[in-house]
């Protein structure tokens, strides 16, 4: 007789194949919590950095001499005036367009009134 061979391994049915565990409710909650902590930490850290920079700048200004303060204020004034001119120009253009539109609307209303009274 031929030497006996071991039996073939049993065939696994699809339902018996191990699958990775599903994303459970607890895992979702933990993931959300970690994400929330990361976001809040980033925002808080950015706020701290901004506050520190503000305090350093404030301290620099307080320690500056009167001449330095005047020079800084004059530079800031110059920058603000440079920003003001284009804004004033845009505002004047807008006011002119609004006046033109009002005149056009008034003329159209007057024309409509004369057409109705002439009928």
PDB file of N, CA and C in Angstrom:
ATOM      1  N   UNK A   1       0.808  -1.166   0.000  1.00  0.00           N
ATOM      2  CA  UNK A   1       0.000   0.000   0.000  1.00  0.00           C
ATOM      3  C   UNK A   1       0.864   1.246   0.000  1.00  0.00           C
ATOM      4  N   UNK A   2       0.335   2.237  -0.580  1.00  0.00           N
ATOM      5  CA  UNK A   2       1.068   3.480  -0.637  1.00  0.00           C
ATOM      6  C   UNK A   2       1.017   4.166   0.714  1.00  0.00           C
ATOM      7  N   UNK A   3       2.087   4.885   1.004  1.00  0.00           N
ATOM      8  CA  UNK A   3       2.050   5.575   2.299  1.00  0.00           C
ATOM      9  C   UNK A   3       0.876   6.540   2.349  1.00  0.00           C
ATOM     10  N   UNK A   4       0.255   6.642   3.453  1.00  0.00           N
ATOM     11  CA  UNK A   4      -0.940   7.482   3.567  1.00  0.00           C
ATOM     12  C   UNK A   4      -0.552   8.955   3.616  1.00  0.00           C
ATOM     13  N   UNK A   5      -1.311   9.702   2.902  1.00  0.00           N
ATOM     14  CA  UNK A   5      -1.077  11.141   2.853  1.00  0.00           C
ATOM     15  C   UNK A   5      -2.016  11.827   3.839  1.00  0.00           C
ATOM     16  N   UNK A   6      -1.578  12.964   4.394  1.00  0.00           N
ATOM     17  CA  UNK A   6      -2.480  13.658   5.333  1.00  0.00           C
ATOM     18  C   UNK A   6      -3.669  14.199   4.552  1.00  0.00           C
ATOM     19  N   UNK A   7      -4.785  14.312   5.220  1.00  0.00           N
ATOM     20  CA  UNK A   7      -5.982  14.818   4.530  1.00  0.00           C
ATOM     21  C   UNK A   7      -5.775  16.281   4.128  1.00  0.00           C
ATOM     22  N   UNK A   8      -6.392  16.688   3.043  1.00  0.00           N
ATOM     23  CA  UNK A   8      -6.233  18.080   2.630  1.00  0.00           C
ATOM     24  C   UNK A   8      -6.850  19.021   3.670  1.00  0.00           C
ATOM     25  N   UNK A   9      -6.327  20.222   3.765  1.00  0.00           N
ATOM     26  CA  UNK A   9      -6.896  21.153   4.760  1.00  0.00           C
ATOM     27  C   UNK A   9      -8.328  21.495   4.389  1.00  0.00           C
ATOM     28  N   UNK A  10      -9.154  21.727   5.401  1.00  0.00           N
ATOM     29  CA  UNK A  10     -10.568  22.034   5.106  1.00  0.00           C
ATOM     30  C   UNK A  10     -10.673  23.382   4.393  1.00  0.00           C
ATOM     31  N   UNK A  11     -11.606  23.446   3.474  1.00  0.00           N
ATOM     32  CA  UNK A  11     -11.853  24.693   2.754  1.00  0.00           C
ATOM     33  C   UNK A  11     -12.632  25.640   3.659  1.00  0.00           C
ATOM     34  N   UNK A  12     -12.181  26.841   3.687  1.00  0.00           N
ATOM     35  CA  UNK A  12     -12.862  27.819   4.543  1.00  0.00           C
ATOM     36  C   UNK A  12     -14.002  28.456   3.763  1.00  0.00           C
ATOM     37  N   UNK A  13     -15.049  28.649   4.455  1.00  0.00           N
ATOM     38  CA  UNK A  13     -16.195  29.329   3.882  1.00  0.00           C
ATOM     39  C   UNK A  13     -15.978  30.832   4.066  1.00  0.00           C
ATOM     40  N   UNK A  14     -16.530  31.635   3.167  1.00  0.00           N
ATOM     41  CA  UNK A  14     -16.324  33.084   3.229  1.00  0.00           C
ATOM     42  C   UNK A  14     -16.650  33.667   4.590  1.00  0.00           C
ATOM     43  N   UNK A  15     -17.676  33.170   5.215  1.00  0.00           N
ATOM     44  CA  UNK A  15     -18.072  33.744   6.501  1.00  0.00           C
ATOM     45  C   UNK A  15     -17.067  33.423   7.598  1.00  0.00           C
ATOM     46  N   UNK A  16     -16.195  32.454   7.359  1.00  0.00           N
ATOM     47  CA  UNK A  16     -15.227  32.076   8.386  1.00  0.00           C
ATOM     48  C   UNK A  16     -13.901  32.809   8.240  1.00  0.00           C
ATOM     49  N   UNK A  17     -13.717  33.536   7.151  1.00  0.00           N
ATOM     50  CA  UNK A  17     -12.468  34.263   6.958  1.00  0.00           C
ATOM     51  C   UNK A  17     -12.444  35.432   7.929  1.00  0.00           C
ATOM     52  N   UNK A  18     -11.352  35.583   8.685  1.00  0.00           N
ATOM     53  CA  UNK A  18     -11.306  36.694   9.640  1.00  0.00           C
ATOM     54  C   UNK A  18     -11.267  38.035   8.902  1.00  0.00           C
ATOM     55  N   UNK A  19     -12.039  38.955   9.390  1.00  0.00           N
ATOM     56  CA  UNK A  19     -12.115  40.290   8.816  1.00  0.00           C
ATOM     57  C   UNK A  19     -11.634  41.292   9.843  1.00  0.00           C
ATOM     58  N   UNK A  20     -11.147  42.426   9.366  1.00  0.00           N
ATOM     59  CA  UNK A  20     -10.753  43.447  10.343  1.00  0.00           C
ATOM     60  C   UNK A  20     -11.989  43.934  11.092  1.00  0.00           C
ATOM     61  N   UNK A  21     -11.827  44.290  12.341  1.00  0.00           N
ATOM     62  CA  UNK A  21     -12.997  44.744  13.107  1.00  0.00           C
ATOM     63  C   UNK A  21     -13.582  46.013  12.490  1.00  0.00           C
ATOM     64  N   UNK A  22     -14.849  46.147  12.612  1.00  0.00           N
ATOM     65  CA  UNK A  22     -15.533  47.324  12.078  1.00  0.00           C
ATOM     66  C   UNK A  22     -15.182  48.555  12.911  1.00  0.00           C
ATOM     67  N   UNK A  23     -15.372  49.691  12.289  1.00  0.00           N
ATOM     68  CA  UNK A  23     -15.108  50.951  12.966  1.00  0.00           C
ATOM     69  C   UNK A  23     -16.238  51.166  13.965  1.00  0.00           C
ATOM     70  N   UNK A  24     -15.989  50.846  15.202  1.00  0.00           N
ATOM     71  CA  UNK A  24     -17.049  50.874  16.202  1.00  0.00           C
ATOM     72  C   UNK A  24     -17.360  52.295  16.651  1.00  0.00           C
ATOM     73  N   UNK A  25     -18.447  52.425  17.346  1.00  0.00           N
ATOM     74  CA  UNK A  25     -18.882  53.719  17.870  1.00  0.00           C
ATOM     75  C   UNK A  25     -17.819  54.303  18.783  1.00  0.00           C
ATOM     76  N   UNK A  26     -17.235  53.468  19.618  1.00  0.00           N
ATOM     77  CA  UNK A  26     -16.218  53.936  20.559  1.00  0.00           C
ATOM     78  C   UNK A  26     -15.003  54.473  19.810  1.00  0.00           C
ATOM     79  N   UNK A  27     -14.613  53.780  18.761  1.00  0.00           N
ATOM     80  CA  UNK A  27     -13.465  54.234  17.976  1.00  0.00           C
ATOM     81  C   UNK A  27     -13.768  55.572  17.313  1.00  0.00           C
ATOM     82  N   UNK A  28     -14.973  55.742  16.839  1.00  0.00           N
ATOM     83  CA  UNK A  28     -15.359  57.009  16.217  1.00  0.00           C
ATOM     84  C   UNK A  28     -15.331  58.144  17.235  1.00  0.00           C
ATOM     85  N   UNK A  29     -15.843  57.869  18.420  1.00  0.00           N
ATOM     86  CA  UNK A  29     -15.850  58.897  19.470  1.00  0.00           C
ATOM     87  C   UNK A  29     -14.421  59.276  19.845  1.00  0.00           C
ATOM     88  N   UNK A  30     -13.560  58.286  19.999  1.00  0.00           N
ATOM     89  CA  UNK A  30     -12.167  58.568  20.349  1.00  0.00           C
ATOM     90  C   UNK A  30     -11.469  59.352  19.238  1.00  0.00           C
ATOM     91  N   UNK A  31     -11.719  58.988  18.001  1.00  0.00           N
ATOM     92  CA  UNK A  31     -11.111  59.713  16.882  1.00  0.00           C
ATOM     93  C   UNK A  31     -11.577  61.161  16.877  1.00  0.00           C
ATOM     94  N   UNK A  32     -12.868  61.370  17.065  1.00  0.00           N
ATOM     95  CA  UNK A  32     -13.402  62.729  17.121  1.00  0.00           C
ATOM     96  C   UNK A  32     -12.833  63.519  18.278  1.00  0.00           C
ATOM     97  N   UNK A  33     -12.673  62.865  19.417  1.00  0.00           N
ATOM     98  CA  UNK A  33     -12.132  63.545  20.595  1.00  0.00           C
ATOM     99  C   UNK A  33     -10.683  63.967  20.363  1.00  0.00           C
ATOM    100  N   UNK A  34      -9.897  63.072  19.783  1.00  0.00           N
ATOM    101  CA  UNK A  34      -8.499  63.419  19.510  1.00  0.00           C
ATOM    102  C   UNK A  34      -8.408  64.551  18.496  1.00  0.00           C
ATOM    103  N   UNK A  35      -9.253  64.523  17.493  1.00  0.00           N
ATOM    104  CA  UNK A  35      -9.253  65.595  16.493  1.00  0.00           C
ATOM    105  C   UNK A  35      -9.640  66.924  17.150  1.00  0.00           C
ATOM    106  N   UNK A  36     -10.656  66.893  18.014  1.00  0.00           N
ATOM    107  CA  UNK A  36     -11.098  68.112  18.690  1.00  0.00           C
ATOM    108  C   UNK A  36      -9.984  68.668  19.582  1.00  0.00           C
ATOM    109  N   UNK A  37      -9.289  67.795  20.292  1.00  0.00           N
ATOM    110  CA  UNK A  37      -8.202  68.238  21.161  1.00  0.00           C
ATOM    111  C   UNK A  37      -7.090  68.872  20.320  1.00  0.00           C
ATOM    112  N   UNK A  38      -6.798  68.266  19.179  1.00  0.00           N
ATOM    113  CA  UNK A  38      -5.746  68.815  18.315  1.00  0.00           C
ATOM    114  C   UNK A  38      -6.132  70.197  17.792  1.00  0.00           C
ATOM    115  N   UNK A  39      -7.365  70.361  17.368  1.00  0.00           N
ATOM    116  CA  UNK A  39      -7.822  71.645  16.832  1.00  0.00           C
ATOM    117  C   UNK A  39      -7.822  72.710  17.926  1.00  0.00           C
ATOM    118  N   UNK A  40      -8.361  72.381  19.070  1.00  0.00           N
ATOM    119  CA  UNK A  40      -8.406  73.345  20.171  1.00  0.00           C
ATOM    120  C   UNK A  40      -6.990  73.711  20.612  1.00  0.00           C
ATOM    121  N   UNK A  41      -6.103  72.732  20.655  1.00  0.00           N
ATOM    122  CA  UNK A  41      -4.714  73.007  21.028  1.00  0.00           C
ATOM    123  C   UNK A  41      -4.029  73.934  20.038  1.00  0.00           C
ATOM    124  N   UNK A  42      -4.295  73.721  18.743  1.00  0.00           N
ATOM    125  CA  UNK A  42      -3.691  74.583  17.724  1.00  0.00           C
ATOM    126  C   UNK A  42      -4.206  76.014  17.854  1.00  0.00           C
ATOM    127  N   UNK A  43      -5.500  76.161  18.063  1.00  0.00           N
ATOM    128  CA  UNK A  43      -6.078  77.503  18.199  1.00  0.00           C
ATOM    129  C   UNK A  43      -5.556  78.185  19.460  1.00  0.00           C
ATOM    130  N   UNK A  44      -5.513  77.446  20.550  1.00  0.00           N
ATOM    131  CA  UNK A  44      -5.032  78.010  21.809  1.00  0.00           C
ATOM    132  C   UNK A  44      -3.572  78.417  21.681  1.00  0.00           C
ATOM    133  N   UNK A  45      -2.751  77.570  21.050  1.00  0.00           N
ATOM    134  CA  UNK A  45      -1.342  77.875  20.866  1.00  0.00           C
ATOM    135  C   UNK A  45      -1.145  79.116  20.004  1.00  0.00           C
ATOM    136  N   UNK A  46      -1.950  79.247  18.950  1.00  0.00           N
ATOM    137  CA  UNK A  46      -1.853  80.424  18.090  1.00  0.00           C
ATOM    138  C   UNK A  46      -2.229  81.677  18.872  1.00  0.00           C
ATOM    139  N   UNK A  47      -3.230  81.566  19.722  1.00  0.00           N
ATOM    140  CA  UNK A  47      -3.632  82.705  20.545  1.00  0.00           C
ATOM    141  C   UNK A  47      -2.541  83.107  21.520  1.00  0.00           C
ATOM    142  N   UNK A  48      -1.880  82.122  22.117  1.00  0.00           N
ATOM    143  CA  UNK A  48      -0.783  82.428  23.035  1.00  0.00           C
ATOM    144  C   UNK A  48       0.363  83.128  22.313  1.00  0.00           C
ATOM    145  N   UNK A  49       0.679  82.634  21.126  1.00  0.00           N
ATOM    146  CA  UNK A  49       1.776  83.245  20.366  1.00  0.00           C
ATOM    147  C   UNK A  49       1.441  84.689  20.005  1.00  0.00           C
ATOM    148  N   UNK A  50       0.210  84.913  19.563  1.00  0.00           N
ATOM    149  CA  UNK A  50      -0.210  86.266  19.211  1.00  0.00           C
ATOM    150  C   UNK A  50      -0.146  87.182  20.425  1.00  0.00           C
ATOM    151  N   UNK A  51      -0.589  86.684  21.552  1.00  0.00           N
ATOM    152  CA  UNK A  51      -0.562  87.490  22.771  1.00  0.00           C
ATOM    153  C   UNK A  51       0.878  87.818  23.186  1.00  0.00           C
ATOM    154  N   UNK A  52       1.774  86.843  23.061  1.00  0.00           N
ATOM    155  CA  UNK A  52       3.171  87.090  23.401  1.00  0.00           C
ATOM    156  C   UNK A  52       3.786  88.130  22.478  1.00  0.00           C
ATOM    157  N   UNK A  53       3.490  88.035  21.174  1.00  0.00           N
ATOM    158  CA  UNK A  53       4.012  89.020  20.224  1.00  0.00           C
ATOM    159  C   UNK A  53       3.472  90.409  20.535  1.00  0.00           C
ATOM    160  N   UNK A  54       2.194  90.487  20.891  1.00  0.00           N
ATOM    161  CA  UNK A  54       1.581  91.765  21.242  1.00  0.00           C
ATOM    162  C   UNK A  54       2.267  92.354  22.475  1.00  0.00           C
ATOM    163  N   UNK A  55       2.494  91.519  23.460  1.00  0.00           N
ATOM    164  CA  UNK A  55       3.132  92.007  24.694  1.00  0.00           C
ATOM    165  C   UNK A  55       4.561  92.468  24.431  1.00  0.00           C
ATOM    166  N   UNK A  56       5.301  91.735  23.572  1.00  0.00           N
ATOM    167  CA  UNK A  56       6.660  92.152  23.237  1.00  0.00           C
ATOM    168  C   UNK A  56       6.646  93.501  22.516  1.00  0.00           C
ATOM    169  N   UNK A  57       5.729  93.651  21.566  1.00  0.00           N
ATOM    170  CA  UNK A  57       5.635  94.911  20.821  1.00  0.00           C
ATOM    171  C   UNK A  57       5.253  96.057  21.749  1.00  0.00           C
ATOM    172  N   UNK A  58       4.323  95.792  22.662  1.00  0.00           N
ATOM    173  CA  UNK A  58       3.896  96.812  23.630  1.00  0.00           C
ATOM    174  C   UNK A  58       5.060  97.220  24.530  1.00  0.00           C
ATOM    175  N   UNK A  59       5.854  96.238  24.927  1.00  0.00           N
ATOM    176  CA  UNK A  59       7.003  96.535  25.783  1.00  0.00           C
ATOM    177  C   UNK A  59       8.043  97.348  25.017  1.00  0.00           C
ATOM    178  N   UNK A  60       8.250  97.006  23.735  1.00  0.00           N
ATOM    179  CA  UNK A  60       9.190  97.775  22.910  1.00  0.00           C
ATOM    180  C   UNK A  60       8.768  99.231  22.824  1.00  0.00           C
ATOM    181  N   UNK A  61       7.481  99.452  22.630  1.00  0.00           N
ATOM    182  CA  UNK A  61       6.960 100.811  22.522  1.00  0.00           C
ATOM    183  C   UNK A  61       7.124 101.556  23.835  1.00  0.00           C
ATOM    184  N   UNK A  62       6.856 100.861  24.942  1.00  0.00           N
ATOM    185  CA  UNK A  62       6.977 101.504  26.252  1.00  0.00           C
ATOM    186  C   UNK A  62       8.423 101.863  26.564  1.00  0.00           C
ATOM    187  N   UNK A  63       9.355 101.041  26.090  1.00  0.00           N
ATOM    188  CA  UNK A  63      10.766 101.295  26.380  1.00  0.00           C
ATOM    189  C   UNK A  63      11.402 102.274  25.393  1.00  0.00           C
ATOM    190  N   UNK A  64      10.720 102.566  24.294  1.00  0.00           N
ATOM    191  CA  UNK A  64      11.288 103.445  23.275  1.00  0.00           C
ATOM    192  C   UNK A  64      11.356 104.878  23.792  1.00  0.00           C
ATOM    193  N   UNK A  65      12.315 105.614  23.257  1.00  0.00           N
ATOM    194  CA  UNK A  65      12.448 107.011  23.656  1.00  0.00           C
ATOM    195  C   UNK A  65      11.356 107.831  22.973  1.00  0.00           C
ATOM    196  N   UNK A  66      11.200 109.051  23.414  1.00  0.00           N
ATOM    197  CA  UNK A  66      10.168 109.927  22.864  1.00  0.00           C
ATOM    198  C   UNK A  66      10.394 110.164  21.370  1.00  0.00           C
ATOM    199  N   UNK A  67      11.669 110.324  20.969  1.00  0.00           N
ATOM    200  CA  UNK A  67      11.972 110.550  19.552  1.00  0.00           C
ATOM    201  C   UNK A  67      11.568 109.339  18.705  1.00  0.00           C
ATOM    202  N   UNK A  68      11.850 108.136  19.234  1.00  0.00           N
ATOM    203  CA  UNK A  68      11.479 106.914  18.512  1.00  0.00           C
ATOM    204  C   UNK A  68       9.967 106.797  18.384  1.00  0.00           C
ATOM    205  N   UNK A  69       9.262 107.123  19.458  1.00  0.00           N
ATOM    206  CA  UNK A  69       7.796 107.064  19.417  1.00  0.00           C
ATOM    207  C   UNK A  69       7.251 108.031  18.372  1.00  0.00           C
ATOM    208  N   UNK A  70       7.791 109.244  18.355  1.00  0.00           N
ATOM    209  CA  UNK A  70       7.323 110.243  17.386  1.00  0.00           C
ATOM    210  C   UNK A  70       7.607 109.765  15.969  1.00  0.00           C
ATOM    211  N   UNK A  71       8.805 109.231  15.741  1.00  0.00           N
ATOM    212  CA  UNK A  71       9.167 108.742  14.414  1.00  0.00           C
ATOM    213  C   UNK A  71       8.238 107.598  13.984  1.00  0.00           C
ATOM    214  N   UNK A  72       7.952 106.671  14.900  1.00  0.00           N
ATOM    215  CA  UNK A  72       7.056 105.548  14.589  1.00  0.00           C
ATOM    216  C   UNK A  72       5.644 106.039  14.278  1.00  0.00           C
ATOM    217  N   UNK A  73       5.174 107.008  15.067  1.00  0.00           N
ATOM    218  CA  UNK A  73       3.832 107.546  14.826  1.00  0.00           C
ATOM    219  C   UNK A  73       3.749 108.268  13.484  1.00  0.00           C
ATOM    220  N   UNK A  74       4.805 108.993  13.125  1.00  0.00           N
ATOM    221  CA  UNK A  74       4.814 109.683  11.838  1.00  0.00           C
ATOM    222  C   UNK A  74       4.836 108.693  10.675  1.00  0.00           C
ATOM    223  N   UNK A  75       5.599 107.593  10.833  1.00  0.00           N
ATOM    224  CA  UNK A  75       5.615 106.554   9.799  1.00  0.00           C
ATOM    225  C   UNK A  75       4.239 105.920   9.652  1.00  0.00           C
ATOM    226  N   UNK A  76       3.611 105.667  10.772  1.00  0.00           N
ATOM    227  CA  UNK A  76       2.266 105.054  10.738  1.00  0.00           C
ATOM    228  C   UNK A  76       1.267 106.016  10.083  1.00  0.00           C
ATOM    229  N   UNK A  77       1.388 107.312  10.406  1.00  0.00           N
ATOM    230  CA  UNK A  77       0.497 108.317   9.813  1.00  0.00           C
ATOM    231  C   UNK A  77       0.676 108.364   8.299  1.00  0.00           C
ATOM    232  N   UNK A  78       1.915 108.321   7.846  1.00  0.00           N
ATOM    233  CA  UNK A  78       2.195 108.341   6.411  1.00  0.00           C
ATOM    234  C   UNK A  78       1.569 107.126   5.728  1.00  0.00           C
ATOM    235  N   UNK A  79       1.714 105.962   6.352  1.00  0.00           N
ATOM    236  CA  UNK A  79       1.141 104.736   5.778  1.00  0.00           C
ATOM    237  C   UNK A  79      -0.389 104.824   5.726  1.00  0.00           C
ATOM    238  N   UNK A  80      -0.991 105.353   6.780  1.00  0.00           N
ATOM    239  CA  UNK A  80      -2.451 105.476   6.810  1.00  0.00           C
ATOM    240  C   UNK A  80      -2.950 106.468   5.760  1.00  0.00           C
ATOM    241  N   UNK A  81      -2.227 107.574   5.589  1.00  0.00           N
ATOM    242  CA  UNK A  81      -2.623 108.546   4.566  1.00  0.00           C
ATOM    243  C   UNK A  81      -2.504 107.949   3.167  1.00  0.00           C
ATOM    244  N   UNK A  82      -1.492 107.116   2.964  1.00  0.00           N
ATOM    245  CA  UNK A  82      -1.331 106.460   1.663  1.00  0.00           C
ATOM    246  C   UNK A  82      -2.499 105.503   1.401  1.00  0.00           C
ATOM    247  N   UNK A  83      -3.018 104.886   2.431  1.00  0.00           N
ATOM    248  CA  UNK A  83      -4.176 103.997   2.281  1.00  0.00           C
ATOM    249  C   UNK A  83      -5.455 104.808   2.096  1.00  0.00           C
ATOM    250  N   UNK A  84      -5.504 106.002   2.658  1.00  0.00           N
ATOM    251  CA  UNK A  84      -6.717 106.812   2.644  1.00  0.00           C
ATOM    252  C   UNK A  84      -7.036 107.344   1.253  1.00  0.00           C
ATOM    253  N   UNK A  85      -6.035 107.762   0.521  1.00  0.00           N
ATOM    254  CA  UNK A  85      -6.272 108.394  -0.792  1.00  0.00           C
ATOM    255  C   UNK A  85      -7.027 107.490  -1.764  1.00  0.00           C
ATOM    256  N   UNK A  86      -6.606 106.257  -1.983  1.00  0.00           N
ATOM    257  CA  UNK A  86      -7.369 105.413  -2.914  1.00  0.00           C
ATOM    258  C   UNK A  86      -8.799 105.135  -2.429  1.00  0.00           C
ATOM    259  N   UNK A  87      -8.966 105.016  -1.126  1.00  0.00           N
ATOM    260  CA  UNK A  87     -10.304 104.766  -0.589  1.00  0.00           C
ATOM    261  C   UNK A  87     -11.200 105.978  -0.823  1.00  0.00           C
ATOM    262  N   UNK A  88     -10.669 107.180  -0.601  1.00  0.00           N
ATOM    263  CA  UNK A  88     -11.459 108.393  -0.853  1.00  0.00           C
ATOM    264  C   UNK A  88     -11.813 108.511  -2.335  1.00  0.00           C
ATOM    265  N   UNK A  89     -10.878 108.153  -3.217  1.00  0.00           N
ATOM    266  CA  UNK A  89     -11.144 108.211  -4.646  1.00  0.00           C
ATOM    267  C   UNK A  89     -12.283 107.249  -5.018  1.00  0.00           C
ATOM    268  N   UNK A  90     -12.242 106.045  -4.485  1.00  0.00           N
ATOM    269  CA  UNK A  90     -13.299 105.064  -4.750  1.00  0.00           C
ATOM    270  C   UNK A  90     -14.642 105.558  -4.209  1.00  0.00           C
ATOM    271  N   UNK A  91     -14.627 106.166  -3.024  1.00  0.00           N
ATOM    272  CA  UNK A  91     -15.850 106.680  -2.426  1.00  0.00           C
ATOM    273  C   UNK A  91     -16.447 107.803  -3.277  1.00  0.00           C
ATOM    274  N   UNK A  92     -15.607 108.711  -3.766  1.00  0.00           N
ATOM    275  CA  UNK A  92     -16.092 109.787  -4.635  1.00  0.00           C
ATOM    276  C   UNK A  92     -16.671 109.231  -5.935  1.00  0.00           C
ATOM    277  N   UNK A  93     -16.012 108.218  -6.507  1.00  0.00           N
ATOM    278  CA  UNK A  93     -16.537 107.587  -7.731  1.00  0.00           C
ATOM    279  C   UNK A  93     -17.898 106.948  -7.460  1.00  0.00           C
ATOM    280  N   UNK A  94     -18.027 106.295  -6.333  1.00  0.00           N
ATOM    281  CA  UNK A  94     -19.295 105.659  -5.981  1.00  0.00           C
ATOM    282  C   UNK A  94     -20.394 106.701  -5.806  1.00  0.00           C
ATOM    283  N   UNK A  95     -20.076 107.786  -5.118  1.00  0.00           N
ATOM    284  CA  UNK A  95     -21.080 108.846  -4.925  1.00  0.00           C
ATOM    285  C   UNK A  95     -21.501 109.441  -6.265  1.00  0.00           C
ATOM    286  N   UNK A  96     -20.567 109.624  -7.186  1.00  0.00           N
ATOM    287  CA  UNK A  96     -20.903 110.169  -8.511  1.00  0.00           C
ATOM    288  C   UNK A  96     -21.811 109.203  -9.267  1.00  0.00           C
ATOM    289  N   UNK A  97     -21.513 107.911  -9.186  1.00  0.00           N
ATOM    290  CA  UNK A  97     -22.381 106.920  -9.855  1.00  0.00           C
ATOM    291  C   UNK A  97     -23.767 106.904  -9.238  1.00  0.00           C
ATOM    292  N   UNK A  98     -23.845 107.042  -7.919  1.00  0.00           N
ATOM    293  CA  UNK A  98     -25.147 107.055  -7.247  1.00  0.00           C
ATOM    294  C   UNK A  98     -25.953 108.287  -7.668  1.00  0.00           C
ATOM    295  N   UNK A  99     -25.282 109.461  -7.752  1.00  0.00           N
ATOM    296  CA  UNK A  99     -25.978 110.679  -8.199  1.00  0.00           C
ATOM    297  C   UNK A  99     -26.481 110.522  -9.629  1.00  0.00           C
ATOM    298  N   UNK A 100     -25.649 109.963 -10.490  1.00  0.00           N
ATOM    299  CA  UNK A 100     -26.051 109.756 -11.883  1.00  0.00           C
ATOM    300  C   UNK A 100     -27.246 108.803 -11.966  1.00  0.00           C
ATOM    301  N   UNK A 101     -27.224 107.751 -11.150  1.00  0.00           N
ATOM    302  CA  UNK A 101     -28.332 106.798 -11.157  1.00  0.00           C
ATOM    303  C   UNK A 101     -29.604 107.461 -10.634  1.00  0.00           C
ATOM    304  N   UNK A 102     -29.479 108.299  -9.597  1.00  0.00           N
ATOM    305  CA  UNK A 102     -30.654 108.993  -9.063  1.00  0.00           C
ATOM    306  C   UNK A 102     -31.242 109.933 -10.113  1.00  0.00           C
ATOM    307  N   UNK A 103     -30.383 110.647 -10.828  1.00  0.00           N
ATOM    308  CA  UNK A 103     -30.873 111.540 -11.887  1.00  0.00           C
ATOM    309  C   UNK A 103     -31.560 110.751 -12.997  1.00  0.00           C
ATOM    310  N   UNK A 104     -30.980 109.618 -13.346  1.00  0.00           N
ATOM    311  CA  UNK A 104     -31.564 108.770 -14.392  1.00  0.00           C
ATOM    312  C   UNK A 104     -32.930 108.249 -13.943  1.00  0.00           C
ATOM    313  N   UNK A 105     -33.012 107.804 -12.676  1.00  0.00           N
ATOM    314  CA  UNK A 105     -34.281 107.297 -12.154  1.00  0.00           C
ATOM    315  C   UNK A 105     -35.324 108.417 -12.084  1.00  0.00           C
ATOM    316  N   UNK A 106     -34.897 109.621 -11.669  1.00  0.00           N
ATOM    317  CA  UNK A 106     -35.829 110.749 -11.584  1.00  0.00           C
ATOM    318  C   UNK A 106     -36.332 111.124 -12.971  1.00  0.00           C
ATOM    319  N   UNK A 107     -35.440 111.107 -13.969  1.00  0.00           N
ATOM    320  CA  UNK A 107     -35.849 111.429 -15.337  1.00  0.00           C
ATOM    321  C   UNK A 107     -36.819 110.379 -15.868  1.00  0.00           C
ATOM    322  N   UNK A 108     -36.559 109.117 -15.548  1.00  0.00           N
ATOM    323  CA  UNK A 108     -37.456 108.049 -15.998  1.00  0.00           C
ATOM    324  C   UNK A 108     -38.818 108.178 -15.318  1.00  0.00           C
ATOM    325  N   UNK A 109     -38.830 108.535 -14.047  1.00  0.00           N
ATOM    326  CA  UNK A 109     -40.092 108.701 -13.333  1.00  0.00           C
ATOM    327  C   UNK A 109     -40.868 109.895 -13.885  1.00  0.00           C
ATOM    328  N   UNK A 110     -40.155 110.980 -14.187  1.00  0.00           N
ATOM    329  CA  UNK A 110     -40.820 112.160 -14.747  1.00  0.00           C
ATOM    330  C   UNK A 110     -41.386 111.842 -16.120  1.00  0.00           C
ATOM    331  N   UNK A 111     -40.654 111.091 -16.928  1.00  0.00           N
ATOM    332  CA  UNK A 111     -41.129 110.726 -18.255  1.00  0.00           C
ATOM    333  C   UNK A 111     -42.350 109.824 -18.155  1.00  0.00           C
ATOM    334  N   UNK A 112     -42.334 108.914 -17.204  1.00  0.00           N
ATOM    335  CA  UNK A 112     -43.472 108.020 -17.021  1.00  0.00           C
ATOM    336  C   UNK A 112     -44.695 108.822 -16.559  1.00  0.00           C
ATOM    337  N   UNK A 113     -44.483 109.824 -15.704  1.00  0.00           N
ATOM    338  CA  UNK A 113     -45.590 110.644 -15.212  1.00  0.00           C
ATOM    339  C   UNK A 113     -46.194 111.469 -16.331  1.00  0.00           C
ATOM    340  N   UNK A 114     -45.364 112.028 -17.189  1.00  0.00           N
ATOM    341  CA  UNK A 114     -45.902 112.848 -18.299  1.00  0.00           C
ATOM    342  C   UNK A 114     -46.617 111.975 -19.319  1.00  0.00           C
ATOM    343  N   UNK A 115     -46.142 110.749 -19.491  1.00  0.00           N
ATOM    344  CA  UNK A 115     -46.818 109.843 -20.435  1.00  0.00           C
ATOM    345  C   UNK A 115     -48.193 109.444 -19.903  1.00  0.00           C
ATOM    346  N   UNK A 116     -48.329 109.261 -18.610  1.00  0.00           N
ATOM    347  CA  UNK A 116     -49.599 108.855 -18.036  1.00  0.00           C
ATOM    348  C   UNK A 116     -50.585 110.027 -18.036  1.00  0.00           C
ATOM    349  N   UNK A 117     -50.103 111.232 -17.772  1.00  0.00           N
ATOM    350  CA  UNK A 117     -51.002 112.369 -17.726  1.00  0.00           C
ATOM    351  C   UNK A 117     -51.412 112.801 -19.139  1.00  0.00           C
ATOM    352  N   UNK A 118     -50.601 112.489 -20.128  1.00  0.00           N
ATOM    353  CA  UNK A 118     -50.922 112.866 -21.513  1.00  0.00           C
ATOM    354  C   UNK A 118     -51.900 111.909 -22.160  1.00  0.00           C
ATOM    355  N   UNK A 119     -52.213 110.813 -21.574  1.00  0.00           N
ATOM    356  CA  UNK A 119     -53.116 109.814 -22.168  1.00  0.00           C
ATOM    357  C   UNK A 119     -54.513 110.235 -22.079  1.00  0.00           C
TER     358      UNK A 119
END
